Amino acid sequence: MNPTPDDRVVPERSLAEINADIRCLFARAEGRLSDAERIRHATLLGEWASAIRASVVPAA
């Protein structure tokens, strides 16, 4: 059964906020991430993917 709009998880932060954090992470690291920054990046990507899934409107 497809989830109804009420069943979908609402992300805590907007895609724009998550994208801004990802951009800042790379800007501070000058394109070379430390191990800790790689972990943070992976976390942000997971959050971004969840926000993308939540923003998809199912077809009628």
N, C-alpha and C. Protein backbone atom coordinates (compact mmCIF):
# COMPACT_ATOMS: atom_id res chain seq x y z
N MET A 1 0.84 -1.17 0.00
CA MET A 1 0.00 0.00 0.00
C MET A 1 0.89 1.24 0.00
N ASN A 2 0.57 2.18 -0.85
CA ASN A 2 1.34 3.42 -0.92
C ASN A 2 1.02 4.30 0.28
N PRO A 3 2.03 4.98 0.79
CA PRO A 3 1.76 5.87 1.93
C PRO A 3 0.91 7.06 1.51
N THR A 4 0.03 7.45 2.38
CA THR A 4 -0.74 8.66 2.13
C THR A 4 0.09 9.84 2.58
N PRO A 5 -0.28 11.05 2.16
CA PRO A 5 0.50 12.22 2.59
C PRO A 5 0.67 12.29 4.11
N ASP A 6 -0.32 11.81 4.87
CA ASP A 6 -0.23 11.85 6.33
C ASP A 6 0.77 10.83 6.86
N ASP A 7 1.05 9.77 6.08
CA ASP A 7 1.97 8.71 6.50
C ASP A 7 3.43 9.05 6.23
N ARG A 8 3.68 9.98 5.34
CA ARG A 8 5.06 10.29 4.96
C ARG A 8 5.77 11.05 6.07
N VAL A 9 7.05 10.75 6.20
CA VAL A 9 7.87 11.43 7.20
C VAL A 9 8.19 12.84 6.70
N VAL A 10 7.98 13.81 7.55
CA VAL A 10 8.29 15.20 7.20
C VAL A 10 9.70 15.49 7.68
N PRO A 11 10.59 15.91 6.77
CA PRO A 11 11.96 16.19 7.20
C PRO A 11 12.00 17.38 8.15
N GLU A 12 12.98 17.35 9.04
CA GLU A 12 13.12 18.44 10.01
C GLU A 12 13.66 19.71 9.35
N ARG A 13 14.47 19.52 8.29
CA ARG A 13 15.09 20.67 7.62
C ARG A 13 14.77 20.63 6.13
N SER A 14 14.80 21.79 5.52
CA SER A 14 14.51 21.87 4.09
C SER A 14 15.70 21.39 3.27
N LEU A 15 15.44 21.06 2.03
CA LEU A 15 16.52 20.67 1.12
C LEU A 15 17.54 21.79 0.98
N ALA A 16 17.07 23.02 0.95
CA ALA A 16 17.99 24.17 0.82
C ALA A 16 18.94 24.24 2.01
N GLU A 17 18.44 24.00 3.20
CA GLU A 17 19.30 24.03 4.40
C GLU A 17 20.35 22.91 4.35
N ILE A 18 19.91 21.74 3.96
CA ILE A 18 20.84 20.60 3.88
C ILE A 18 21.89 20.86 2.80
N ASN A 19 21.46 21.34 1.64
CA ASN A 19 22.41 21.66 0.56
C ASN A 19 23.42 22.71 1.01
N ALA A 20 22.95 23.70 1.74
CA ALA A 20 23.86 24.75 2.23
C ALA A 20 24.91 24.15 3.15
N ASP A 21 24.51 23.23 4.01
CA ASP A 21 25.47 22.57 4.91
C ASP A 21 26.50 21.76 4.12
N ILE A 22 26.05 21.06 3.09
CA ILE A 22 26.97 20.28 2.25
C ILE A 22 27.96 21.20 1.55
N ARG A 23 27.47 22.29 1.00
CA ARG A 23 28.36 23.25 0.32
C ARG A 23 29.37 23.85 1.28
N CYS A 24 28.92 24.22 2.47
CA CYS A 24 29.83 24.79 3.48
C CYS A 24 30.89 23.78 3.90
N LEU A 25 30.49 22.54 4.04
CA LEU A 25 31.44 21.49 4.42
C LEU A 25 32.57 21.41 3.41
N PHE A 26 32.23 21.39 2.13
CA PHE A 26 33.26 21.30 1.09
C PHE A 26 34.06 22.59 0.97
N ALA A 27 33.43 23.73 1.18
CA ALA A 27 34.14 25.01 1.10
C ALA A 27 35.19 25.10 2.20
N ARG A 28 34.82 24.71 3.41
CA ARG A 28 35.77 24.74 4.53
C ARG A 28 36.90 23.76 4.32
N ALA A 29 36.59 22.60 3.74
CA ALA A 29 37.59 21.55 3.56
C ALA A 29 38.41 21.75 2.29
N GLU A 30 38.06 22.75 1.51
CA GLU A 30 38.73 23.02 0.23
C GLU A 30 38.76 21.77 -0.65
N GLY A 31 37.64 21.02 -0.61
CA GLY A 31 37.49 19.86 -1.48
C GLY A 31 38.12 18.57 -0.97
N ARG A 32 38.84 18.63 0.15
CA ARG A 32 39.48 17.42 0.71
C ARG A 32 38.93 17.18 2.11
N LEU A 33 38.11 16.16 2.23
CA LEU A 33 37.44 15.90 3.50
C LEU A 33 38.28 14.99 4.40
N SER A 34 38.31 15.33 5.68
CA SER A 34 38.93 14.46 6.68
C SER A 34 37.98 13.29 6.94
N ASP A 35 38.42 12.33 7.73
CA ASP A 35 37.55 11.20 8.07
C ASP A 35 36.28 11.67 8.77
N ALA A 36 36.42 12.60 9.70
CA ALA A 36 35.25 13.12 10.41
C ALA A 36 34.32 13.86 9.45
N GLU A 37 34.90 14.61 8.52
CA GLU A 37 34.09 15.34 7.54
C GLU A 37 33.40 14.38 6.57
N ARG A 38 34.04 13.27 6.25
CA ARG A 38 33.40 12.26 5.39
C ARG A 38 32.18 11.66 6.08
N ILE A 39 32.32 11.42 7.37
CA ILE A 39 31.19 10.90 8.14
C ILE A 39 30.05 11.92 8.16
N ARG A 40 30.39 13.18 8.38
CA ARG A 40 29.37 14.25 8.37
C ARG A 40 28.72 14.34 7.00
N HIS A 41 29.52 14.23 5.94
CA HIS A 41 28.99 14.29 4.58
C HIS A 41 28.02 13.14 4.34
N ALA A 42 28.38 11.93 4.77
CA ALA A 42 27.50 10.78 4.60
C ALA A 42 26.18 10.99 5.35
N THR A 43 26.26 11.56 6.54
CA THR A 43 25.06 11.85 7.31
C THR A 43 24.18 12.87 6.59
N LEU A 44 24.81 13.91 6.06
CA LEU A 44 24.06 14.93 5.32
C LEU A 44 23.43 14.34 4.06
N LEU A 45 24.14 13.45 3.37
CA LEU A 45 23.57 12.83 2.17
C LEU A 45 22.36 11.97 2.52
N GLY A 46 22.42 11.27 3.64
CA GLY A 46 21.26 10.49 4.08
C GLY A 46 20.08 11.38 4.41
N GLU A 47 20.36 12.49 5.07
CA GLU A 47 19.30 13.45 5.39
C GLU A 47 18.72 14.05 4.12
N TRP A 48 19.60 14.36 3.16
CA TRP A 48 19.16 14.92 1.87
C TRP A 48 18.27 13.93 1.14
N ALA A 49 18.69 12.65 1.11
CA ALA A 49 17.90 11.62 0.42
C ALA A 49 16.52 11.46 1.06
N SER A 50 16.46 11.50 2.37
CA SER A 50 15.17 11.41 3.06
C SER A 50 14.28 12.60 2.72
N ALA A 51 14.88 13.78 2.66
CA ALA A 51 14.11 14.98 2.33
C ALA A 51 13.61 14.92 0.89
N ILE A 52 14.43 14.38 -0.01
CA ILE A 52 14.00 14.21 -1.41
C ILE A 52 12.80 13.27 -1.47
N ARG A 53 12.91 12.12 -0.80
CA ARG A 53 11.81 11.14 -0.81
C ARG A 53 10.53 11.76 -0.25
N ALA A 54 10.65 12.55 0.79
CA ALA A 54 9.48 13.17 1.40
C ALA A 54 8.85 14.23 0.49
N SER A 55 9.66 14.80 -0.41
CA SER A 55 9.14 15.86 -1.28
C SER A 55 8.47 15.32 -2.54
N VAL A 56 8.62 14.03 -2.81
CA VAL A 56 8.05 13.44 -4.02
C VAL A 56 6.54 13.29 -3.84
N VAL A 57 5.81 13.79 -4.82
CA VAL A 57 4.35 13.68 -4.80
C VAL A 57 3.97 12.47 -5.65
N PRO A 58 3.27 11.50 -5.06
CA PRO A 58 2.90 10.30 -5.82
C PRO A 58 1.96 10.65 -6.97
N ALA A 59 2.12 9.91 -8.05
CA ALA A 59 1.24 10.11 -9.21
C ALA A 59 -0.17 9.65 -8.86
N ALA A 60 -1.12 10.27 -9.51
CA ALA A 60 -2.52 9.92 -9.25
C ALA A 60 -2.87 8.59 -9.85
